[in-house]
Amino acid sequence: MTGTVGSLVPFAQYNYQWFDPINGKYIDGGDFKASAFGTWFAPLRPDDTDMVLYISKKNRLIL
């Protein structure tokens, strides 16, 4: 199952990972850019077990 994630910063860069609570390991999902509406359509999880979708905003260093 998948769905739309909201409340993101429009056009911001993010990284997502899947966390497997059974073995305590993360599976890297990759990077994505939020839409102009601050949404993102999440992909299917890697397998059929219970997983947590962890999203983190990428920081930009401006000099």
C-alpha atoms as a PDB file:
ATOM      1  CA  MET A   1       0.000   0.000   0.000  1.00  0.00           C
ATOM      2  CA  THR A   2       1.173   3.524  -0.697  1.00  0.00           C
ATOM      3  CA  GLY A   3      -0.153   7.035  -0.322  1.00  0.00           C
ATOM      4  CA  THR A   4       0.485  10.756  -0.433  1.00  0.00           C
ATOM      5  CA  VAL A   5       2.648  12.444   2.192  1.00  0.00           C
ATOM      6  CA  GLY A   6       1.691  16.053   2.976  1.00  0.00           C
ATOM      7  CA  SER A   7       2.916  18.986   5.089  1.00  0.00           C
ATOM      8  CA  LEU A   8       6.287  19.070   3.341  1.00  0.00           C
ATOM      9  CA  VAL A   9       8.073  22.290   2.379  1.00  0.00           C
ATOM     10  CA  PRO A  10       7.216  22.980  -1.279  1.00  0.00           C
ATOM     11  CA  PHE A  11      10.111  22.218  -3.673  1.00  0.00           C
ATOM     12  CA  ALA A  12      12.386  21.161  -0.754  1.00  0.00           C
ATOM     13  CA  GLN A  13      14.755  18.221  -1.123  1.00  0.00           C
ATOM     14  CA  TYR A  14      14.202  15.182   1.095  1.00  0.00           C
ATOM     15  CA  ASN A  15      15.635  11.728   1.693  1.00  0.00           C
ATOM     16  CA  TYR A  16      13.573   8.720   2.663  1.00  0.00           C
ATOM     17  CA  GLN A  17      14.391   5.409   4.284  1.00  0.00           C
ATOM     18  CA  TRP A  18      12.415   2.382   5.324  1.00  0.00           C
ATOM     19  CA  PHE A  19      12.932   1.163   8.891  1.00  0.00           C
ATOM     20  CA  ASP A  20      12.345  -2.491   9.702  1.00  0.00           C
ATOM     21  CA  PRO A  21      11.377  -2.651  13.406  1.00  0.00           C
ATOM     22  CA  ILE A  22      11.896  -6.422  13.530  1.00  0.00           C
ATOM     23  CA  ASN A  23      15.619  -6.368  12.697  1.00  0.00           C
ATOM     24  CA  GLY A  24      16.315  -2.692  13.524  1.00  0.00           C
ATOM     25  CA  LYS A  25      17.811  -1.936  10.100  1.00  0.00           C
ATOM     26  CA  TYR A  26      17.238   0.910   7.643  1.00  0.00           C
ATOM     27  CA  ILE A  27      16.863   0.466   3.893  1.00  0.00           C
ATOM     28  CA  ASP A  28      17.783   3.580   1.915  1.00  0.00           C
ATOM     29  CA  GLY A  29      15.016   4.685  -0.424  1.00  0.00           C
ATOM     30  CA  GLY A  30      16.654   7.665  -2.066  1.00  0.00           C
ATOM     31  CA  ASP A  31      16.049  11.360  -2.549  1.00  0.00           C
ATOM     32  CA  PHE A  32      13.007  13.241  -3.756  1.00  0.00           C
ATOM     33  CA  LYS A  33      11.740  16.781  -4.221  1.00  0.00           C
ATOM     34  CA  ALA A  34       8.397  17.834  -2.727  1.00  0.00           C
ATOM     35  CA  SER A  35       5.781  19.157  -5.121  1.00  0.00           C
ATOM     36  CA  ALA A  36       4.668  22.783  -5.320  1.00  0.00           C
ATOM     37  CA  PHE A  37       1.867  21.784  -2.924  1.00  0.00           C
ATOM     38  CA  GLY A  38       4.242  20.253  -0.358  1.00  0.00           C
ATOM     39  CA  THR A  39       3.251  16.682  -1.168  1.00  0.00           C
ATOM     40  CA  TRP A  40       4.957  13.516  -2.341  1.00  0.00           C
ATOM     41  CA  PHE A  41       3.535  10.204  -3.500  1.00  0.00           C
ATOM     42  CA  ALA A  42       5.320   7.531  -1.439  1.00  0.00           C
ATOM     43  CA  PRO A  43       6.478   4.366  -3.212  1.00  0.00           C
ATOM     44  CA  LEU A  44       5.634   0.821  -2.188  1.00  0.00           C
ATOM     45  CA  ARG A  45       7.629  -0.566   0.724  1.00  0.00           C
ATOM     46  CA  PRO A  46      10.449  -2.998  -0.130  1.00  0.00           C
ATOM     47  CA  ASP A  47       8.555  -6.101   1.047  1.00  0.00           C
ATOM     48  CA  ASP A  48       5.325  -7.193   2.725  1.00  0.00           C
ATOM     49  CA  THR A  49       6.539  -6.895   6.326  1.00  0.00           C
ATOM     50  CA  ASP A  50       5.668  -3.981   8.597  1.00  0.00           C
ATOM     51  CA  MET A  51       7.942  -1.004   7.933  1.00  0.00           C
ATOM     52  CA  VAL A  52       8.191   2.618   9.012  1.00  0.00           C
ATOM     53  CA  LEU A  53       8.710   5.331   6.392  1.00  0.00           C
ATOM     54  CA  TYR A  54      11.313   7.795   7.703  1.00  0.00           C
ATOM     55  CA  ILE A  55      11.584  11.122   5.840  1.00  0.00           C
ATOM     56  CA  SER A  56      14.284  13.722   6.500  1.00  0.00           C
ATOM     57  CA  LYS A  57      14.715  17.150   4.923  1.00  0.00           C
ATOM     58  CA  LYS A  58      18.075  17.736   3.295  1.00  0.00           C
ATOM     59  CA  ASN A  59      19.880  20.848   4.485  1.00  0.00           C
ATOM     60  CA  ARG A  60      21.446  23.319   2.106  1.00  0.00           C
ATOM     61  CA  LEU A  61      24.497  25.259   3.136  1.00  0.00           C
ATOM     62  CA  ILE A  62      24.399  28.729   1.628  1.00  0.00           C
ATOM     63  CA  LEU A  63      27.682  30.649   1.701  1.00  0.00           C
END
